[in-house]
Structures are given as structure tokens and as C-alpha cells.
Amino acid sequence: MKLSTLSLVLGAGLAAQSLHALLKPKQFIGAARKFPRSLPWGYALMTVGTLGFLHFLKQESIADFESYKPMMMAIFGAVAVAVCIFVSDFLAVRGLAISFLVLAKLMTDTARPHLDDSHWVLVIQLWAYALVCAGIWFTVSPWRCRDLIHWGTASESRLKLLSGIRLAFAALLVLLGLTVF
């Protein structure tokens, strides 16, 4: 994937979420507060995260593990299914954490070859490392995501301020995708 395409897709996705929060704050607050314990979101995000992880595992070319790769892929797939069945509490947050980690790998792998081209690449890299930290934090303590969502949606004014900041960041990503990258 090209860095410009990645930047445009990430910016558009972030802008869509932010605009929804700005235009329909009550609806957004209700949906956001239900998210951490949502099973449909949990199944969807666990599927996306697991498929992304298995894709990256399949691409990995470590000779020492090459003969074990099919078995590892089967075990990791089975673990994901088992998590969906036996650890359904905060499943959406766990799926989000895995998806954050997979997305961060995609972001760093895509941006790394362009580090010498422009310092603006660090925007993507730093965001990826923030996603790694959030992914680890939400994996260890998924209730923190719920608490963070409740804090961010405590009032419409706070939600609008945070959504405005996210929208400005999304605009920066789109601008970088169209010009610099």
C-alpha cells in the first residue's frame, strides 16, 4: 500500500467518525457507551484483527519457524475463536486492541521506507506507536477503554471538543496524503 493512500484512508475514517460525533452527539454518545460490551462489534473486530494477524504471520519469513507456520496459524485462529466463545466480556475492546496492533504494524511498515523523504512521516509513525500503547493497555485492562469512553462522552461540549481535535488531525492526514506523501 502506498503511504499517500494509507494517509487518505486513515484521515477519511477518522473524519467520518468525528463528523458523526459532531453532527449527532446524542446518538454517538449512546452508541459509544454501548461499544465496550457489544458482541457484534466484538465479533467483527476480533475477525478483522485475527485475519490481519494471520496475514502478517503468513508473510513472515523466519526460517526457524517456517515448518511450524501452518500449525501456528491454526492455533492462533483457534485461540481467537475460543476468546469469542469463552471471554465475551469486553470482547469489543479486546478486538479493538488487536485491530489497533495490526493497524499499527501496517502503518509502520508502510511509513518506514519514507522516513528519509519527509519528517511528516513521523506523524504516521507516532500515531502507530500510540496505537500500540493503547492496544497493550486495553488488552491488559479492557475496562479502561470503557472508562475513557465515559470520560470523553461525559458532556456534549467535551465530545465536541475532542471530535474537533480528531477532525483537525484527520484533515492533516488527508492534506499530507494529497501533498507530501
Foldseek 3Di string as FASTA:
>chain_A
DALLVVLLVVLVVLQVLLVCCQVPVVVNLVVLLCQQLDLVLLVVLLVVLLVLVLVVLVVDDDPVCVVVSVVVNVVSVVVSVCCSVPVSRSSNLLSQLSNLLSVLVVQCVNLVVCVVVDVCSVLSNVVSVVSNVSSVVCNVPVVVSSVVSCVCSVDSVSVNVVSVVSNVVSVVSNVCSVPVD
